[in-house]
Structure formats: C-alpha cells, structure tokens
Amino acid sequence: MPSVQLPATPRTPLSTASVVDAAIELVDQQGRGALTLAAVAKRTGVATPSLYKHVSSLESLRQKVSARVTGE
C-alpha cells in the first residue's frame, strides 16, 4: 500500500497582511533596494505569482508598506 506523505510543517495561509509583514521585515533587514516580489515570495515560502492574489504589483506592495509604516 502506498504511503501518504504529509507536509513537514503546515503552511499558514497567505494573506495581504502577511505579505506586507514580510515586506517590512525585508526592508528592515536589507534596505529598500532589497524589496522585490521575488524576495517577498521567498520569505513567505510561496511562488512569486501567488503574491498577485494579494498585491497587484511591486508598486502596490510599496504603497501598502508605506501606509502600514505611516499609520495611514
């Protein structure tokens, strides 16, 4: 009988808030120049296209980060 493999760790569902959190952490640790969709995707453990469900572009992500940081 074939065995069923379960993921090593359950994945937390991706949300807009978690994408913005990851982007803020990335900027805090590596600077504004490090903010790319690919870097945020890597940090959140998803493929880059998965981010487009939560942000429409890098500029959109930058706006969400700015709004969160400035409290808007």
Foldseek 3Di string as FASTA:
>chain_A
DDDDDDDPDDADDDALVLLLVLQVVCCVVPNPVRDDLCSSCVSNVHHSVVCCVRAVHSVRSVVVNVCVVVVD
